[in-house]
Amino acid sequence: MVRANGAVSLRELARVVQTSEVTVRRDVRALEAEGLLDRRHGGAVLPGGFTRESGFPQKSHLATAEKTAIADLAAGLVEEGEAIVVGAGTTTQELARRLARVPGLTVVTNSLLVAQALAHANRVEVVMTGGTLRGSNYALVGSGAEQSLQGLRVSRAFLSGSGLTAERGLSTSNMLSASVDRALVQAAAEVVVLADHSKLGTDTMFQTVPTDVITRLVTDEPPAHDDRAATELQALADQGVQIAVAGAGQASAGAGDPAPARQQRRDVPLPGQRRQQLPGGGHPLRSAAPMEQSPERSARVADLRRR
């Protein structure tokens, strides 16, 4: 299946061979050890190290549930009337679908897929870069795209990539894509990276966003056995990256409806914060919302203040 399609998801493999994803994951790991394929993004691709990149048709079927949860969560970060940039990728395409109902939003993008997702949003203005079309991911790249971003300033950039490590930050396997992503970053006051857990600890050829430039990472909950992803998350947090994790049980919000994402956000603490274990083994939050007071309690407080 990998040889025929270039890539395949663990979920699809499990469905075809009628077994569990745990079994499939073990077998894929064994095939990788023999050099027959590479594990990537919740699935497997043809082996090729740093130089190969799956095309959009292959990547669009990988880690779909994770991308949906990440997009739901990231959409909750966008406010009405903001101006943002959204880079190319299947995860950012999912985000764009959820931004279609944000009033007064301006989205600058080099992605035809992001623009298409917002094409019928009558309250969202879409600004596309110039450049040369790169067919494998439907993105505009090259000097035309980079020059059109000069002098631009927006509140934040939403970017994806092929790999993310605490040592090098976000990276991709294509030089032209990396160059445009760097231009997108230069235009933004904050940088939000969207990456599912399978990209954590993966290092690819061209660096796009150094770790110290990343403001926030939005990712999904790593599996319990994935020590590499958990270690990388902690290393990123130790370097000052704010980490929002989409819970494994998070329900998908409707396209363009960011409200559930705000409720499911969970941040990883930065170094120096007191790490208290919460009841039930939960993780501490970066910040806690103020406790809501009942009318009776509010009345008592007001009475005490008068006295």
Foldseek 3Di string as FASTA:
>chain_A
DQVVQQWDALVVVCVVVVHDSVVSVVVVVVCVVVQQWDDFQRTIGGDDAQADDAFPVRQLRGPVVFLLLLLLQVLLVDAAQFEEEEEFDNSSLSNLQQQLARANYEYEYQAPSSCVSNVPSPRYHYHYFAADADPRGRGHWDPRRLVSLPPAAGAEYEYEERAAALQFGGFHSDPRSLVNLLSSLVRHPAYEYEDELRRYPDDHDGGRDGLLRHAEYEYEDDDPVCPRSVVRVLSSLQSPYWYWYRYPPQDRDRGNDNVSSVVRTATAHHPPDDWDQDPPRDGDGNDDDDDDDDPVVVVVVVVVVVD
